[in-house]
């Protein structure tokens, strides 16, 4: 099971935090800080898997230590693309290589949706970011990994922001307003 999906920029500012297991806000904030510190200090040549910091591992343990839990978070899988870190916290039942592939599909879907995605796209169009993630993962379970289906699902929801294009029509004139020509119909 996937317990959380996080996206940070190189400065440690979270751009996406989606937790699929309930944690107190203070624990979430400390966990976000710890994970970013661990991931950002690793050299580029090291592997993309880490054991979970003790903060979350200790807070998610059962009150009965004799009962093993397969859904206890235990692994951090991440990829670093340009200025962003994509991080997945998961249980030991998830394959780390499959999670790396899932991150790749997520990034490629965002790239197709935003046409050459950048950090500002994620900041100003967080609805599309969350819609793409919800096409991939529902309740901590991976439901779709086919890139075309993910992109089509997000577009069908109508949450893809269209960048304004100045094609000699006089900029943001009111002539096309209301017909959806070059105007983003999202929130």
C-alpha atoms as a PDB file:
ATOM      1  CA  UNK A   1       0.000   0.000   0.000  1.00  0.00           C
ATOM      2  CA  UNK A   2       1.116   3.527  -0.712  1.00  0.00           C
ATOM      3  CA  UNK A   3       0.963   5.654   2.427  1.00  0.00           C
ATOM      4  CA  UNK A   4       1.928   9.046   0.980  1.00  0.00           C
ATOM      5  CA  UNK A   5       3.016  10.861  -2.167  1.00  0.00           C
ATOM      6  CA  UNK A   6       5.160  13.964  -1.758  1.00  0.00           C
ATOM      7  CA  UNK A   7       6.648  16.421  -4.222  1.00  0.00           C
ATOM      8  CA  UNK A   8       9.292  18.952  -3.115  1.00  0.00           C
ATOM      9  CA  UNK A   9      11.339  21.527  -4.926  1.00  0.00           C
ATOM     10  CA  UNK A  10      15.108  21.754  -4.396  1.00  0.00           C
ATOM     11  CA  UNK A  11      14.594  24.228  -1.524  1.00  0.00           C
ATOM     12  CA  UNK A  12      12.401  21.822   0.415  1.00  0.00           C
ATOM     13  CA  UNK A  13       9.093  23.562  -0.233  1.00  0.00           C
ATOM     14  CA  UNK A  14       6.335  20.980  -0.635  1.00  0.00           C
ATOM     15  CA  UNK A  15       4.459  21.214  -3.922  1.00  0.00           C
ATOM     16  CA  UNK A  16       2.247  18.180  -3.249  1.00  0.00           C
ATOM     17  CA  UNK A  17       1.533  16.293  -0.040  1.00  0.00           C
ATOM     18  CA  UNK A  18      -1.008  13.511  -0.252  1.00  0.00           C
ATOM     19  CA  UNK A  19      -1.289  11.146   2.714  1.00  0.00           C
ATOM     20  CA  UNK A  20      -3.369   7.993   2.356  1.00  0.00           C
ATOM     21  CA  UNK A  21      -3.030   7.089   6.042  1.00  0.00           C
ATOM     22  CA  UNK A  22      -4.095   9.345   8.868  1.00  0.00           C
ATOM     23  CA  UNK A  23      -1.362  11.114  10.768  1.00  0.00           C
ATOM     24  CA  UNK A  24      -1.446  14.094  13.049  1.00  0.00           C
ATOM     25  CA  UNK A  25      -0.530  17.341  11.326  1.00  0.00           C
ATOM     26  CA  UNK A  26       2.536  17.844  13.513  1.00  0.00           C
ATOM     27  CA  UNK A  27       3.793  14.342  12.625  1.00  0.00           C
ATOM     28  CA  UNK A  28       3.166  15.035   8.923  1.00  0.00           C
ATOM     29  CA  UNK A  29       5.146  18.277   9.071  1.00  0.00           C
ATOM     30  CA  UNK A  30       8.089  16.680  10.896  1.00  0.00           C
ATOM     31  CA  UNK A  31       8.014  13.733   8.498  1.00  0.00           C
ATOM     32  CA  UNK A  32       8.039  16.031   5.462  1.00  0.00           C
ATOM     33  CA  UNK A  33      11.033  17.882   6.866  1.00  0.00           C
ATOM     34  CA  UNK A  34      12.925  14.680   7.735  1.00  0.00           C
ATOM     35  CA  UNK A  35      12.301  13.018   4.397  1.00  0.00           C
ATOM     36  CA  UNK A  36      13.382  16.060   2.425  1.00  0.00           C
ATOM     37  CA  UNK A  37      16.589  16.295   4.474  1.00  0.00           C
ATOM     38  CA  UNK A  38      17.354  12.605   3.890  1.00  0.00           C
ATOM     39  CA  UNK A  39      16.605  12.676   0.171  1.00  0.00           C
ATOM     40  CA  UNK A  40      18.271  15.979  -0.668  1.00  0.00           C
ATOM     41  CA  UNK A  41      21.536  15.055   1.088  1.00  0.00           C
ATOM     42  CA  UNK A  42      21.988  11.843  -0.905  1.00  0.00           C
ATOM     43  CA  UNK A  43      24.468  11.872  -3.782  1.00  0.00           C
ATOM     44  CA  UNK A  44      23.059  11.469  -7.286  1.00  0.00           C
ATOM     45  CA  UNK A  45      24.900   8.175  -7.697  1.00  0.00           C
ATOM     46  CA  UNK A  46      23.106   6.485  -4.765  1.00  0.00           C
ATOM     47  CA  UNK A  47      20.022   4.310  -5.131  1.00  0.00           C
ATOM     48  CA  UNK A  48      16.512   5.747  -4.948  1.00  0.00           C
ATOM     49  CA  UNK A  49      15.311   3.687  -1.965  1.00  0.00           C
ATOM     50  CA  UNK A  50      15.573   4.544   1.726  1.00  0.00           C
ATOM     51  CA  UNK A  51      14.254   3.028   4.921  1.00  0.00           C
ATOM     52  CA  UNK A  52      11.540   5.109   6.509  1.00  0.00           C
ATOM     53  CA  UNK A  53      12.686   7.597   9.169  1.00  0.00           C
ATOM     54  CA  UNK A  54      11.935   6.431  12.726  1.00  0.00           C
ATOM     55  CA  UNK A  55       9.386   9.210  13.192  1.00  0.00           C
ATOM     56  CA  UNK A  56       6.711   7.580  11.055  1.00  0.00           C
ATOM     57  CA  UNK A  57       7.751   4.012  11.672  1.00  0.00           C
ATOM     58  CA  UNK A  58       7.274   4.442  15.425  1.00  0.00           C
ATOM     59  CA  UNK A  59       4.014   6.409  15.169  1.00  0.00           C
ATOM     60  CA  UNK A  60       2.303   3.823  12.953  1.00  0.00           C
ATOM     61  CA  UNK A  61       3.077   0.717  15.004  1.00  0.00           C
ATOM     62  CA  UNK A  62       0.278  -1.298  16.474  1.00  0.00           C
ATOM     63  CA  UNK A  63      -0.531  -1.368  20.169  1.00  0.00           C
ATOM     64  CA  UNK A  64      -0.086  -5.147  20.082  1.00  0.00           C
ATOM     65  CA  UNK A  65       3.489  -5.822  19.041  1.00  0.00           C
ATOM     66  CA  UNK A  66       2.905  -9.548  18.530  1.00  0.00           C
ATOM     67  CA  UNK A  67       0.660  -8.949  15.516  1.00  0.00           C
ATOM     68  CA  UNK A  68       2.653  -8.219  12.345  1.00  0.00           C
ATOM     69  CA  UNK A  69       1.308  -5.465  10.121  1.00  0.00           C
ATOM     70  CA  UNK A  70       1.892  -5.575   6.394  1.00  0.00           C
ATOM     71  CA  UNK A  71       0.591  -2.041   5.948  1.00  0.00           C
ATOM     72  CA  UNK A  72       3.140  -0.408   8.233  1.00  0.00           C
ATOM     73  CA  UNK A  73       5.056   2.190   6.206  1.00  0.00           C
ATOM     74  CA  UNK A  74       8.648   1.122   5.810  1.00  0.00           C
ATOM     75  CA  UNK A  75      10.114   2.373   2.511  1.00  0.00           C
ATOM     76  CA  UNK A  76      10.813   5.720   0.860  1.00  0.00           C
ATOM     77  CA  UNK A  77      11.179   5.631  -2.938  1.00  0.00           C
ATOM     78  CA  UNK A  78      12.081   8.805  -4.809  1.00  0.00           C
ATOM     79  CA  UNK A  79      13.203  10.286  -8.124  1.00  0.00           C
ATOM     80  CA  UNK A  80      14.803  13.671  -8.704  1.00  0.00           C
ATOM     81  CA  UNK A  81      13.812  15.498 -11.885  1.00  0.00           C
ATOM     82  CA  UNK A  82      15.400  18.904 -12.561  1.00  0.00           C
ATOM     83  CA  UNK A  83      14.076  21.028  -9.654  1.00  0.00           C
ATOM     84  CA  UNK A  84      11.604  18.558  -8.137  1.00  0.00           C
ATOM     85  CA  UNK A  85      11.763  15.482  -5.929  1.00  0.00           C
ATOM     86  CA  UNK A  86       8.924  12.968  -6.352  1.00  0.00           C
ATOM     87  CA  UNK A  87       8.669  10.767  -3.250  1.00  0.00           C
ATOM     88  CA  UNK A  88       6.454   7.788  -2.383  1.00  0.00           C
ATOM     89  CA  UNK A  89       6.186   6.332   1.114  1.00  0.00           C
ATOM     90  CA  UNK A  90       4.995   2.730   0.985  1.00  0.00           C
ATOM     91  CA  UNK A  91       4.763  -0.567   2.806  1.00  0.00           C
ATOM     92  CA  UNK A  92       7.140  -3.465   2.340  1.00  0.00           C
ATOM     93  CA  UNK A  93       4.538  -5.220   0.171  1.00  0.00           C
ATOM     94  CA  UNK A  94       5.070  -2.732  -2.681  1.00  0.00           C
ATOM     95  CA  UNK A  95       7.839  -3.330  -5.186  1.00  0.00           C
ATOM     96  CA  UNK A  96      10.358  -0.457  -5.142  1.00  0.00           C
ATOM     97  CA  UNK A  97      10.988  -0.866  -8.871  1.00  0.00           C
ATOM     98  CA  UNK A  98       7.262  -0.682  -9.588  1.00  0.00           C
ATOM     99  CA  UNK A  99       7.106   2.508  -7.517  1.00  0.00           C
ATOM    100  CA  UNK A 100       9.923   4.026  -9.561  1.00  0.00           C
ATOM    101  CA  UNK A 101       7.929   3.165 -12.670  1.00  0.00           C
ATOM    102  CA  UNK A 102       4.823   4.739 -11.105  1.00  0.00           C
ATOM    103  CA  UNK A 103       6.736   7.956 -10.453  1.00  0.00           C
ATOM    104  CA  UNK A 104       7.903   7.922 -14.077  1.00  0.00           C
ATOM    105  CA  UNK A 105       4.317   7.506 -15.348  1.00  0.00           C
ATOM    106  CA  UNK A 106       3.154  10.328 -13.055  1.00  0.00           C
ATOM    107  CA  UNK A 107       5.858  12.692 -14.333  1.00  0.00           C
ATOM    108  CA  UNK A 108       5.215  11.771 -17.972  1.00  0.00           C
ATOM    109  CA  UNK A 109       1.470  12.312 -17.488  1.00  0.00           C
ATOM    110  CA  UNK A 110       2.133  15.759 -16.021  1.00  0.00           C
ATOM    111  CA  UNK A 111       4.480  16.501 -18.910  1.00  0.00           C
ATOM    112  CA  UNK A 112       1.786  15.617 -21.436  1.00  0.00           C
ATOM    113  CA  UNK A 113      -0.929  17.500 -19.577  1.00  0.00           C
ATOM    114  CA  UNK A 114       1.066  20.707 -19.191  1.00  0.00           C
ATOM    115  CA  UNK A 115       3.132  20.417 -22.362  1.00  0.00           C
ATOM    116  CA  UNK A 116       6.635  20.572 -20.910  1.00  0.00           C
ATOM    117  CA  UNK A 117       5.763  20.739 -17.225  1.00  0.00           C
ATOM    118  CA  UNK A 118       7.613  23.017 -14.839  1.00  0.00           C
ATOM    119  CA  UNK A 119       7.338  23.796 -11.136  1.00  0.00           C
ATOM    120  CA  UNK A 120       5.076  26.797 -11.753  1.00  0.00           C
ATOM    121  CA  UNK A 121       2.550  24.550 -13.511  1.00  0.00           C
ATOM    122  CA  UNK A 122       2.296  22.498 -10.334  1.00  0.00           C
ATOM    123  CA  UNK A 123       1.888  25.586  -8.162  1.00  0.00           C
ATOM    124  CA  UNK A 124      -0.782  27.355 -10.194  1.00  0.00           C
ATOM    125  CA  UNK A 125      -2.646  24.262 -11.434  1.00  0.00           C
ATOM    126  CA  UNK A 126      -2.756  22.089  -8.347  1.00  0.00           C
ATOM    127  CA  UNK A 127      -6.211  20.788  -9.351  1.00  0.00           C
ATOM    128  CA  UNK A 128      -4.703  19.113 -12.398  1.00  0.00           C
ATOM    129  CA  UNK A 129      -1.820  17.789 -10.310  1.00  0.00           C
ATOM    130  CA  UNK A 130      -4.227  16.175  -7.843  1.00  0.00           C
ATOM    131  CA  UNK A 131      -6.465  14.902 -10.658  1.00  0.00           C
ATOM    132  CA  UNK A 132      -3.498  13.164 -12.313  1.00  0.00           C
ATOM    133  CA  UNK A 133      -2.498  11.605  -9.009  1.00  0.00           C
ATOM    134  CA  UNK A 134      -6.049  10.424  -8.342  1.00  0.00           C
ATOM    135  CA  UNK A 135      -6.104   8.732 -11.757  1.00  0.00           C
ATOM    136  CA  UNK A 136      -3.040   6.730 -10.698  1.00  0.00           C
ATOM    137  CA  UNK A 137      -3.684   6.064  -6.995  1.00  0.00           C
ATOM    138  CA  UNK A 138      -6.960   5.731  -5.105  1.00  0.00           C
ATOM    139  CA  UNK A 139      -6.888   5.203  -1.363  1.00  0.00           C
ATOM    140  CA  UNK A 140      -3.252   4.133  -1.426  1.00  0.00           C
ATOM    141  CA  UNK A 141      -3.769   1.497  -4.132  1.00  0.00           C
ATOM    142  CA  UNK A 142      -2.405   1.846  -7.658  1.00  0.00           C
ATOM    143  CA  UNK A 143      -5.376   1.649 -10.028  1.00  0.00           C
ATOM    144  CA  UNK A 144      -3.907   2.721 -13.366  1.00  0.00           C
ATOM    145  CA  UNK A 145      -0.442   2.796 -14.896  1.00  0.00           C
ATOM    146  CA  UNK A 146      -1.166   3.275 -18.594  1.00  0.00           C
ATOM    147  CA  UNK A 147      -0.043   6.765 -19.510  1.00  0.00           C
ATOM    148  CA  UNK A 148      -2.685   7.370 -22.179  1.00  0.00           C
ATOM    149  CA  UNK A 149      -5.538   6.366 -19.863  1.00  0.00           C
ATOM    150  CA  UNK A 150      -4.263   8.628 -17.099  1.00  0.00           C
ATOM    151  CA  UNK A 151      -3.965  11.631 -19.412  1.00  0.00           C
ATOM    152  CA  UNK A 152      -7.371  10.962 -21.019  1.00  0.00           C
ATOM    153  CA  UNK A 153      -8.972  10.582 -17.583  1.00  0.00           C
ATOM    154  CA  UNK A 154      -7.664  13.949 -16.410  1.00  0.00           C
ATOM    155  CA  UNK A 155      -8.688  15.657 -19.643  1.00  0.00           C
ATOM    156  CA  UNK A 156     -12.162  14.132 -19.347  1.00  0.00           C
ATOM    157  CA  UNK A 157     -12.471  15.765 -15.929  1.00  0.00           C
ATOM    158  CA  UNK A 158     -11.815  19.144 -17.542  1.00  0.00           C
ATOM    159  CA  UNK A 159      -9.033  20.075 -15.154  1.00  0.00           C
ATOM    160  CA  UNK A 160      -6.246  20.761 -17.606  1.00  0.00           C
ATOM    161  CA  UNK A 161      -5.150  24.373 -17.620  1.00  0.00           C
ATOM    162  CA  UNK A 162      -4.601  25.883 -21.016  1.00  0.00           C
ATOM    163  CA  UNK A 163      -1.723  28.289 -21.262  1.00  0.00           C
ATOM    164  CA  UNK A 164      -2.718  31.563 -22.870  1.00  0.00           C
ATOM    165  CA  UNK A 165      -1.447  31.775 -26.426  1.00  0.00           C
ATOM    166  CA  UNK A 166      -1.110  35.086 -28.201  1.00  0.00           C
ATOM    167  CA  UNK A 167      -1.659  34.253 -31.864  1.00  0.00           C
ATOM    168  CA  UNK A 168      -2.134  37.761 -33.155  1.00  0.00           C
ATOM    169  CA  UNK A 169      -5.727  38.009 -31.948  1.00  0.00           C
ATOM    170  CA  UNK A 170      -5.032  41.081 -29.873  1.00  0.00           C
ATOM    171  CA  UNK A 171      -4.234  39.308 -26.612  1.00  0.00           C
ATOM    172  CA  UNK A 172      -7.086  38.851 -24.166  1.00  0.00           C
ATOM    173  CA  UNK A 173      -9.828  40.487 -26.188  1.00  0.00           C
ATOM    174  CA  UNK A 174     -13.455  39.875 -25.261  1.00  0.00           C
ATOM    175  CA  UNK A 175     -14.411  38.623 -28.733  1.00  0.00           C
ATOM    176  CA  UNK A 176     -13.800  34.970 -27.857  1.00  0.00           C
ATOM    177  CA  UNK A 177     -14.928  35.268 -24.260  1.00  0.00           C
ATOM    178  CA  UNK A 178     -17.719  32.851 -23.391  1.00  0.00           C
ATOM    179  CA  UNK A 179     -17.084  30.463 -26.275  1.00  0.00           C
ATOM    180  CA  UNK A 180     -14.075  28.827 -24.594  1.00  0.00           C
ATOM    181  CA  UNK A 181     -11.532  29.971 -27.168  1.00  0.00           C
ATOM    182  CA  UNK A 182      -8.196  30.133 -25.382  1.00  0.00           C
ATOM    183  CA  UNK A 183      -9.894  30.685 -22.038  1.00  0.00           C
ATOM    184  CA  UNK A 184      -9.319  28.282 -19.221  1.00  0.00           C
ATOM    185  CA  UNK A 185     -12.668  26.938 -18.056  1.00  0.00           C
ATOM    186  CA  UNK A 186     -11.352  25.605 -14.742  1.00  0.00           C
ATOM    187  CA  UNK A 187     -11.693  27.109 -11.293  1.00  0.00           C
END
